[in-house]
N, C-alpha and C. Protein backbone atom coordinates (compact mmCIF):
# COMPACT_ATOMS: atom_id res chain seq x y z
N MET A 1 28.52 -43.57 5.48
CA MET A 1 29.17 -43.48 4.21
C MET A 1 28.21 -43.89 3.10
N VAL A 2 27.45 -44.94 3.32
CA VAL A 2 26.49 -45.41 2.34
C VAL A 2 25.39 -44.37 2.16
N ALA A 3 24.99 -43.74 3.27
CA ALA A 3 23.93 -42.73 3.22
C ALA A 3 24.36 -41.54 2.37
N SER A 4 25.60 -41.11 2.51
CA SER A 4 26.07 -39.96 1.73
C SER A 4 26.13 -40.30 0.24
N GLU A 5 26.49 -41.55 -0.10
CA GLU A 5 26.51 -41.97 -1.51
C GLU A 5 25.09 -42.03 -2.07
N GLN A 6 24.14 -42.48 -1.24
CA GLN A 6 22.75 -42.52 -1.68
C GLN A 6 22.21 -41.12 -1.92
N LYS A 7 22.57 -40.18 -1.03
CA LYS A 7 22.13 -38.79 -1.21
C LYS A 7 22.73 -38.20 -2.47
N LYS A 8 24.01 -38.52 -2.72
CA LYS A 8 24.69 -38.00 -3.90
C LYS A 8 24.04 -38.54 -5.17
N SER A 9 23.73 -39.82 -5.19
CA SER A 9 23.11 -40.41 -6.39
C SER A 9 21.69 -39.89 -6.56
N ALA A 10 20.98 -39.66 -5.45
CA ALA A 10 19.62 -39.12 -5.53
C ALA A 10 19.64 -37.69 -6.10
N SER A 11 20.60 -36.88 -5.63
CA SER A 11 20.69 -35.51 -6.15
C SER A 11 21.10 -35.51 -7.62
N GLN A 12 21.95 -36.44 -8.02
CA GLN A 12 22.32 -36.54 -9.42
C GLN A 12 21.14 -36.97 -10.28
N ALA A 13 20.31 -37.85 -9.75
CA ALA A 13 19.12 -38.29 -10.49
C ALA A 13 18.14 -37.13 -10.64
N LYS A 14 17.98 -36.33 -9.60
CA LYS A 14 17.10 -35.16 -9.68
C LYS A 14 17.63 -34.16 -10.70
N LEU A 15 18.94 -33.95 -10.69
CA LEU A 15 19.55 -33.03 -11.65
C LEU A 15 19.35 -33.51 -13.08
N GLN A 16 19.51 -34.79 -13.32
CA GLN A 16 19.30 -35.35 -14.65
C GLN A 16 17.85 -35.20 -15.07
N PHE A 17 16.92 -35.41 -14.13
CA PHE A 17 15.50 -35.25 -14.42
C PHE A 17 15.21 -33.80 -14.83
N LEU A 18 15.78 -32.83 -14.12
CA LEU A 18 15.58 -31.42 -14.47
C LEU A 18 16.17 -31.09 -15.83
N ARG A 19 17.31 -31.65 -16.13
CA ARG A 19 17.92 -31.43 -17.45
C ARG A 19 17.02 -31.96 -18.55
N ASN A 20 16.45 -33.13 -18.33
CA ASN A 20 15.56 -33.72 -19.33
C ASN A 20 14.30 -32.88 -19.52
N LEU A 21 13.82 -32.25 -18.44
CA LEU A 21 12.64 -31.40 -18.56
C LEU A 21 12.90 -30.18 -19.45
N THR A 22 14.09 -29.62 -19.35
CA THR A 22 14.40 -28.41 -20.12
C THR A 22 14.86 -28.72 -21.54
N ARG A 23 15.12 -29.98 -21.85
CA ARG A 23 15.57 -30.36 -23.18
C ARG A 23 14.40 -30.81 -24.03
N PHE A 24 13.62 -29.87 -24.50
CA PHE A 24 12.53 -30.25 -25.37
C PHE A 24 12.68 -29.46 -26.67
N LYS A 25 12.24 -30.03 -27.72
CA LYS A 25 12.37 -29.44 -29.04
C LYS A 25 11.04 -28.82 -29.44
N LEU A 26 11.12 -27.58 -29.92
CA LEU A 26 9.94 -26.91 -30.43
C LEU A 26 10.16 -26.57 -31.89
N SER A 27 9.10 -26.66 -32.63
CA SER A 27 9.20 -26.24 -34.03
C SER A 27 9.31 -24.71 -34.05
N ASN A 28 9.66 -24.17 -35.20
CA ASN A 28 9.77 -22.71 -35.33
C ASN A 28 8.43 -22.05 -35.04
N HIS A 29 7.34 -22.67 -35.48
CA HIS A 29 6.01 -22.11 -35.22
C HIS A 29 5.72 -22.10 -33.71
N GLU A 30 6.03 -23.19 -33.04
CA GLU A 30 5.80 -23.26 -31.59
C GLU A 30 6.67 -22.25 -30.84
N GLN A 31 7.92 -22.08 -31.28
CA GLN A 31 8.80 -21.11 -30.65
C GLN A 31 8.24 -19.69 -30.82
N SER A 32 7.73 -19.38 -32.01
CA SER A 32 7.19 -18.04 -32.21
C SER A 32 5.91 -17.84 -31.39
N MET A 33 5.10 -18.89 -31.23
CA MET A 33 3.90 -18.80 -30.40
C MET A 33 4.27 -18.52 -28.94
N VAL A 34 5.25 -19.25 -28.43
CA VAL A 34 5.70 -19.06 -27.05
C VAL A 34 6.25 -17.65 -26.89
N THR A 35 7.01 -17.19 -27.86
CA THR A 35 7.59 -15.84 -27.80
C THR A 35 6.48 -14.80 -27.79
N ARG A 36 5.49 -14.95 -28.66
CA ARG A 36 4.37 -13.99 -28.70
C ARG A 36 3.61 -13.98 -27.38
N GLU A 37 3.32 -15.16 -26.84
CA GLU A 37 2.60 -15.23 -25.58
C GLU A 37 3.40 -14.60 -24.44
N THR A 38 4.70 -14.80 -24.46
CA THR A 38 5.56 -14.21 -23.43
C THR A 38 5.56 -12.69 -23.54
N LEU A 39 5.68 -12.18 -24.77
CA LEU A 39 5.67 -10.73 -24.96
C LEU A 39 4.32 -10.13 -24.58
N LEU A 40 3.25 -10.83 -24.90
CA LEU A 40 1.92 -10.36 -24.50
C LEU A 40 1.78 -10.33 -22.99
N TYR A 41 2.26 -11.35 -22.32
CA TYR A 41 2.21 -11.40 -20.87
C TYR A 41 3.01 -10.26 -20.25
N ILE A 42 4.19 -9.98 -20.80
CA ILE A 42 5.02 -8.87 -20.31
C ILE A 42 4.30 -7.54 -20.51
N ALA A 43 3.66 -7.36 -21.66
CA ALA A 43 2.92 -6.12 -21.92
C ALA A 43 1.77 -5.94 -20.93
N VAL A 44 1.07 -7.04 -20.62
CA VAL A 44 -0.03 -6.96 -19.65
C VAL A 44 0.52 -6.60 -18.27
N LEU A 45 1.65 -7.18 -17.88
CA LEU A 45 2.25 -6.85 -16.60
C LEU A 45 2.66 -5.38 -16.54
N LYS A 46 3.20 -4.86 -17.65
CA LYS A 46 3.58 -3.44 -17.68
C LYS A 46 2.34 -2.55 -17.49
N LEU A 47 1.23 -2.91 -18.14
CA LEU A 47 0.00 -2.14 -17.98
C LEU A 47 -0.49 -2.18 -16.53
N LYS A 48 -0.39 -3.34 -15.90
CA LYS A 48 -0.81 -3.45 -14.51
C LYS A 48 0.07 -2.58 -13.61
N ILE A 49 1.37 -2.56 -13.87
CA ILE A 49 2.28 -1.73 -13.09
C ILE A 49 1.94 -0.26 -13.27
N GLU A 50 1.69 0.16 -14.51
CA GLU A 50 1.33 1.55 -14.76
C GLU A 50 0.03 1.92 -14.05
N ALA A 51 -0.93 1.00 -14.05
CA ALA A 51 -2.19 1.26 -13.36
C ALA A 51 -1.98 1.41 -11.86
N LEU A 52 -1.13 0.55 -11.29
CA LEU A 52 -0.84 0.66 -9.86
C LEU A 52 -0.11 1.95 -9.54
N GLN A 53 0.79 2.37 -10.42
CA GLN A 53 1.49 3.63 -10.19
C GLN A 53 0.53 4.79 -10.29
N GLY A 54 -0.44 4.71 -11.18
CA GLY A 54 -1.46 5.76 -11.29
C GLY A 54 -2.30 5.83 -10.03
N GLU A 55 -2.65 4.67 -9.48
CA GLU A 55 -3.40 4.66 -8.22
C GLU A 55 -2.57 5.23 -7.10
N HIS A 56 -1.27 4.98 -7.13
CA HIS A 56 -0.39 5.49 -6.09
C HIS A 56 -0.36 7.02 -6.11
N GLU A 57 -0.51 7.62 -7.28
CA GLU A 57 -0.54 9.08 -7.37
C GLU A 57 -1.83 9.63 -6.81
N VAL A 58 -2.93 8.87 -6.92
CA VAL A 58 -4.21 9.33 -6.37
C VAL A 58 -4.19 9.25 -4.86
N PHE A 59 -3.64 8.18 -4.31
CA PHE A 59 -3.59 7.98 -2.87
C PHE A 59 -2.21 8.34 -2.36
N LYS A 60 -2.17 9.00 -1.24
CA LYS A 60 -0.90 9.22 -0.55
C LYS A 60 -0.99 8.44 0.74
N ILE A 61 -0.19 7.40 0.87
CA ILE A 61 -0.24 6.53 2.02
C ILE A 61 1.07 6.66 2.77
N ILE A 62 0.95 6.88 4.05
CA ILE A 62 2.15 6.92 4.88
C ILE A 62 1.96 5.95 6.03
N LYS A 63 2.90 5.05 6.18
CA LYS A 63 2.90 4.16 7.33
C LYS A 63 4.13 4.49 8.14
N ALA A 64 3.91 4.82 9.39
CA ALA A 64 5.03 5.11 10.28
C ALA A 64 4.92 4.17 11.47
N GLU A 65 6.02 3.56 11.81
CA GLU A 65 6.01 2.65 12.92
C GLU A 65 7.16 2.95 13.87
N PRO A 66 7.14 4.14 14.51
CA PRO A 66 8.19 4.41 15.48
C PRO A 66 7.96 3.58 16.74
N LEU A 67 9.01 2.99 17.22
CA LEU A 67 8.91 2.09 18.35
C LEU A 67 7.83 1.07 18.06
N HIS A 68 6.89 0.78 18.68
CA HIS A 68 5.90 -0.24 18.33
C HIS A 68 4.58 0.44 18.01
N GLN A 69 4.63 1.65 17.45
CA GLN A 69 3.38 2.37 17.15
C GLN A 69 3.04 2.22 15.68
N PHE A 70 1.85 1.76 15.42
CA PHE A 70 1.37 1.57 14.05
C PHE A 70 0.44 2.71 13.71
N GLN A 71 0.62 3.27 12.52
CA GLN A 71 -0.36 4.24 12.04
C GLN A 71 -0.35 4.22 10.52
N GLU A 72 -1.52 4.47 9.97
CA GLU A 72 -1.68 4.51 8.53
C GLU A 72 -2.64 5.65 8.21
N VAL A 73 -2.22 6.50 7.29
CA VAL A 73 -3.04 7.64 6.89
C VAL A 73 -3.20 7.59 5.38
N LYS A 74 -4.45 7.58 4.91
CA LYS A 74 -4.73 7.61 3.48
C LYS A 74 -5.58 8.84 3.20
N VAL A 75 -5.17 9.61 2.22
CA VAL A 75 -5.93 10.80 1.82
C VAL A 75 -6.16 10.72 0.32
N GLU A 76 -7.41 10.91 -0.09
CA GLU A 76 -7.76 10.89 -1.51
C GLU A 76 -8.53 12.17 -1.82
N LYS A 77 -8.17 12.80 -2.91
CA LYS A 77 -8.88 14.01 -3.33
C LYS A 77 -10.03 13.61 -4.24
N ILE A 78 -11.22 14.09 -3.90
CA ILE A 78 -12.41 13.82 -4.70
C ILE A 78 -13.05 15.17 -5.00
N GLY A 79 -12.80 15.68 -6.19
CA GLY A 79 -13.27 17.02 -6.54
C GLY A 79 -12.54 18.04 -5.70
N GLU A 80 -13.30 18.88 -4.99
CA GLU A 80 -12.69 19.86 -4.09
C GLU A 80 -12.60 19.32 -2.67
N ARG A 81 -13.15 18.16 -2.42
CA ARG A 81 -13.17 17.57 -1.09
C ARG A 81 -12.06 16.52 -0.97
N PHE A 82 -11.85 16.09 0.27
CA PHE A 82 -10.85 15.07 0.54
C PHE A 82 -11.50 13.97 1.37
N GLN A 83 -11.14 12.73 1.06
CA GLN A 83 -11.57 11.59 1.87
C GLN A 83 -10.35 11.12 2.64
N VAL A 84 -10.50 11.04 3.95
CA VAL A 84 -9.40 10.70 4.84
C VAL A 84 -9.72 9.39 5.55
N LYS A 85 -8.74 8.48 5.56
CA LYS A 85 -8.88 7.21 6.30
C LYS A 85 -7.66 7.06 7.18
N ILE A 86 -7.90 6.83 8.46
CA ILE A 86 -6.82 6.73 9.44
C ILE A 86 -7.00 5.45 10.23
N ASN A 87 -5.91 4.69 10.39
CA ASN A 87 -5.86 3.52 11.26
C ASN A 87 -4.64 3.67 12.14
N SER A 88 -4.81 3.43 13.42
CA SER A 88 -3.70 3.61 14.34
C SER A 88 -3.99 2.82 15.61
N LEU A 89 -2.96 2.64 16.41
CA LEU A 89 -3.19 2.06 17.72
C LEU A 89 -3.99 3.03 18.55
N LYS A 90 -4.73 2.50 19.52
CA LYS A 90 -5.51 3.37 20.39
C LYS A 90 -4.57 4.22 21.24
N GLY A 91 -5.03 5.42 21.56
CA GLY A 91 -4.24 6.31 22.40
C GLY A 91 -5.07 7.50 22.83
N ASP A 92 -4.54 8.25 23.76
CA ASP A 92 -5.25 9.41 24.27
C ASP A 92 -5.30 10.53 23.24
N ASP A 93 -6.45 11.18 23.14
CA ASP A 93 -6.64 12.43 22.39
C ASP A 93 -6.38 12.32 20.89
N LYS A 94 -6.40 11.16 20.31
CA LYS A 94 -6.17 11.05 18.86
C LYS A 94 -7.25 11.80 18.09
N LEU A 95 -8.50 11.56 18.43
CA LEU A 95 -9.60 12.20 17.73
C LEU A 95 -9.54 13.72 17.90
N VAL A 96 -9.25 14.16 19.11
CA VAL A 96 -9.15 15.59 19.38
C VAL A 96 -8.03 16.21 18.55
N ASN A 97 -6.87 15.58 18.53
CA ASN A 97 -5.74 16.11 17.77
C ASN A 97 -6.03 16.16 16.28
N ILE A 98 -6.73 15.15 15.77
CA ILE A 98 -7.07 15.13 14.34
C ILE A 98 -8.05 16.26 14.01
N LEU A 99 -9.08 16.41 14.85
CA LEU A 99 -10.05 17.48 14.61
C LEU A 99 -9.41 18.86 14.73
N GLU A 100 -8.48 19.03 15.67
CA GLU A 100 -7.75 20.29 15.79
C GLU A 100 -6.90 20.54 14.53
N ALA A 101 -6.31 19.49 13.99
CA ALA A 101 -5.51 19.64 12.76
C ALA A 101 -6.40 20.08 11.60
N PHE A 102 -7.59 19.50 11.49
CA PHE A 102 -8.53 19.93 10.44
C PHE A 102 -8.88 21.41 10.62
N GLU A 103 -9.12 21.80 11.87
CA GLU A 103 -9.50 23.18 12.15
C GLU A 103 -8.36 24.14 11.80
N GLU A 104 -7.13 23.77 12.15
CA GLU A 104 -5.97 24.61 11.85
C GLU A 104 -5.76 24.76 10.34
N MET A 105 -6.09 23.71 9.59
CA MET A 105 -5.93 23.77 8.13
C MET A 105 -7.10 24.49 7.46
N GLY A 106 -8.14 24.76 8.21
CA GLY A 106 -9.31 25.41 7.62
C GLY A 106 -10.17 24.44 6.83
N LEU A 107 -10.25 23.21 7.32
CA LEU A 107 -11.06 22.18 6.66
C LEU A 107 -12.26 21.87 7.54
N SER A 108 -13.43 21.78 6.92
CA SER A 108 -14.65 21.42 7.62
C SER A 108 -14.92 19.93 7.43
N VAL A 109 -15.29 19.28 8.50
CA VAL A 109 -15.65 17.86 8.43
C VAL A 109 -17.11 17.79 8.02
N THR A 110 -17.38 17.23 6.83
CA THR A 110 -18.75 17.12 6.35
C THR A 110 -19.39 15.80 6.77
N GLN A 111 -18.57 14.78 6.94
CA GLN A 111 -19.07 13.48 7.38
C GLN A 111 -17.91 12.73 8.01
N ALA A 112 -18.17 12.02 9.11
CA ALA A 112 -17.09 11.29 9.77
C ALA A 112 -17.65 10.06 10.48
N ARG A 113 -16.77 9.09 10.60
CA ARG A 113 -17.08 7.86 11.33
C ARG A 113 -15.80 7.46 12.04
N ALA A 114 -15.89 7.20 13.33
CA ALA A 114 -14.71 6.81 14.10
C ALA A 114 -15.04 5.59 14.95
N SER A 115 -14.01 4.79 15.19
CA SER A 115 -14.16 3.60 16.00
C SER A 115 -12.86 3.39 16.77
N CYS A 116 -12.99 2.90 17.97
CA CYS A 116 -11.79 2.55 18.73
C CYS A 116 -12.00 1.23 19.46
N ARG A 117 -12.54 0.29 18.74
CA ARG A 117 -12.80 -1.03 19.32
C ARG A 117 -11.47 -1.77 19.53
N ASP A 118 -10.82 -2.21 18.48
CA ASP A 118 -9.52 -2.87 18.59
C ASP A 118 -8.38 -1.90 18.31
N ILE A 119 -8.59 -1.06 17.31
CA ILE A 119 -7.64 -0.02 16.95
C ILE A 119 -8.42 1.27 16.79
N PHE A 120 -7.71 2.38 16.70
CA PHE A 120 -8.39 3.63 16.38
C PHE A 120 -8.52 3.70 14.87
N ALA A 121 -9.75 3.86 14.39
CA ALA A 121 -10.01 3.95 12.95
C ALA A 121 -10.95 5.12 12.71
N MET A 122 -10.67 5.88 11.69
CA MET A 122 -11.51 7.03 11.37
C MET A 122 -11.59 7.19 9.86
N GLU A 123 -12.79 7.45 9.38
CA GLU A 123 -13.01 7.84 8.00
C GLU A 123 -13.73 9.17 8.04
N ALA A 124 -13.26 10.11 7.24
CA ALA A 124 -13.89 11.43 7.24
C ALA A 124 -13.84 12.03 5.85
N ASN A 125 -14.87 12.80 5.53
CA ASN A 125 -14.88 13.62 4.34
C ASN A 125 -14.72 15.06 4.80
N VAL A 126 -13.74 15.75 4.25
CA VAL A 126 -13.50 17.14 4.65
C VAL A 126 -13.48 18.03 3.41
N ALA A 127 -13.85 19.28 3.63
CA ALA A 127 -13.88 20.26 2.55
C ALA A 127 -13.26 21.56 3.05
N PRO A 128 -12.58 22.31 2.17
CA PRO A 128 -12.01 23.58 2.59
C PRO A 128 -13.10 24.58 2.94
N GLN A 129 -12.88 25.35 4.02
CA GLN A 129 -13.85 26.36 4.42
C GLN A 129 -13.80 27.55 3.48
N CYS A 130 -12.60 27.88 2.99
CA CYS A 130 -12.48 28.99 2.03
C CYS A 130 -11.65 28.51 0.84
N LYS A 131 -11.88 29.12 -0.29
CA LYS A 131 -11.22 28.69 -1.53
C LYS A 131 -9.83 29.30 -1.70
N GLU A 132 -9.42 30.18 -0.80
CA GLU A 132 -8.13 30.86 -0.93
C GLU A 132 -6.95 29.89 -0.81
N LYS A 133 -7.00 29.02 0.18
CA LYS A 133 -5.91 28.08 0.41
C LYS A 133 -6.25 26.73 -0.22
N MET A 134 -5.42 26.30 -1.15
CA MET A 134 -5.61 25.01 -1.81
C MET A 134 -4.68 24.00 -1.15
N TRP A 135 -5.25 23.02 -0.51
CA TRP A 135 -4.47 21.98 0.16
C TRP A 135 -4.21 20.83 -0.80
N SER A 136 -3.04 20.25 -0.67
CA SER A 136 -2.72 19.07 -1.46
C SER A 136 -2.87 17.83 -0.59
N VAL A 137 -2.89 16.69 -1.22
CA VAL A 137 -2.98 15.41 -0.52
C VAL A 137 -1.78 15.26 0.41
N ASP A 138 -0.59 15.65 -0.06
CA ASP A 138 0.63 15.55 0.75
C ASP A 138 0.54 16.42 2.00
N ASP A 139 0.05 17.66 1.83
CA ASP A 139 -0.05 18.57 2.98
C ASP A 139 -0.95 18.00 4.07
N ILE A 140 -2.10 17.52 3.67
CA ILE A 140 -3.06 16.98 4.63
C ILE A 140 -2.50 15.73 5.29
N THR A 141 -1.88 14.87 4.51
CA THR A 141 -1.31 13.64 5.05
C THR A 141 -0.25 13.94 6.09
N GLN A 142 0.68 14.84 5.76
CA GLN A 142 1.75 15.17 6.70
C GLN A 142 1.20 15.79 7.98
N THR A 143 0.21 16.66 7.86
CA THR A 143 -0.37 17.29 9.04
C THR A 143 -1.07 16.26 9.93
N LEU A 144 -1.77 15.31 9.32
CA LEU A 144 -2.45 14.29 10.11
C LEU A 144 -1.46 13.34 10.78
N VAL A 145 -0.37 13.02 10.10
CA VAL A 145 0.65 12.16 10.72
C VAL A 145 1.24 12.86 11.93
N LYS A 146 1.50 14.17 11.80
CA LYS A 146 2.02 14.94 12.95
C LYS A 146 1.01 14.95 14.09
N ALA A 147 -0.29 15.06 13.77
CA ALA A 147 -1.31 15.06 14.80
C ALA A 147 -1.37 13.70 15.51
N LEU A 148 -1.17 12.62 14.76
CA LEU A 148 -1.16 11.29 15.38
C LEU A 148 0.06 11.09 16.26
N VAL A 149 1.20 11.60 15.82
CA VAL A 149 2.43 11.46 16.59
C VAL A 149 2.32 12.28 17.87
N LYS A 150 1.63 13.42 17.78
CA LYS A 150 1.45 14.30 18.94
C LYS A 150 0.63 13.61 20.02
N SER A 151 -0.22 12.66 19.61
CA SER A 151 -1.02 11.93 20.58
C SER A 151 -0.12 11.11 21.48
N SER A 152 -0.55 10.91 22.68
CA SER A 152 0.25 10.08 23.59
C SER A 152 0.08 8.62 23.23
N GLY A 153 0.82 7.77 23.87
CA GLY A 153 0.89 6.35 23.56
C GLY A 153 -0.41 5.60 23.79
N PRO A 154 -0.39 4.29 23.58
CA PRO A 154 -1.58 3.46 23.71
C PRO A 154 -2.14 3.50 25.13
N LEU A 155 -3.47 3.26 25.20
CA LEU A 155 -4.15 3.24 26.50
C LEU A 155 -3.71 2.07 27.35
């Protein structure tokens, strides 16, 4: 019983302390300074959000985790070429399926690097073989995700 009264008085003391912290008087000049700084901070945050949204339009990122399978596909358009970054769990024929997907889309791999030490990771630069078909970032991303899903499970 004594313990509950002590807890109650302690919580009341904390509440009073918080009330005292929020009860401060500012002059009109100080209030306007705080208001200006707050509005400036909000404007900076809005600019940061717009910048992040702009970056999101440049990159198309898809993360799919069906069952316990992790995969991440990033595609960025650089001029007429595309930069592709893939991270996924290791599995059979992932590299083969990805290269077949590039071939089906009519994309030539100009430079590539792949690793399957802890996870399967690949970075590649690809370019269209012919100018007739214009691929979008979304098209390439979706095709690569399908190629990864087509791969069998982890080794």
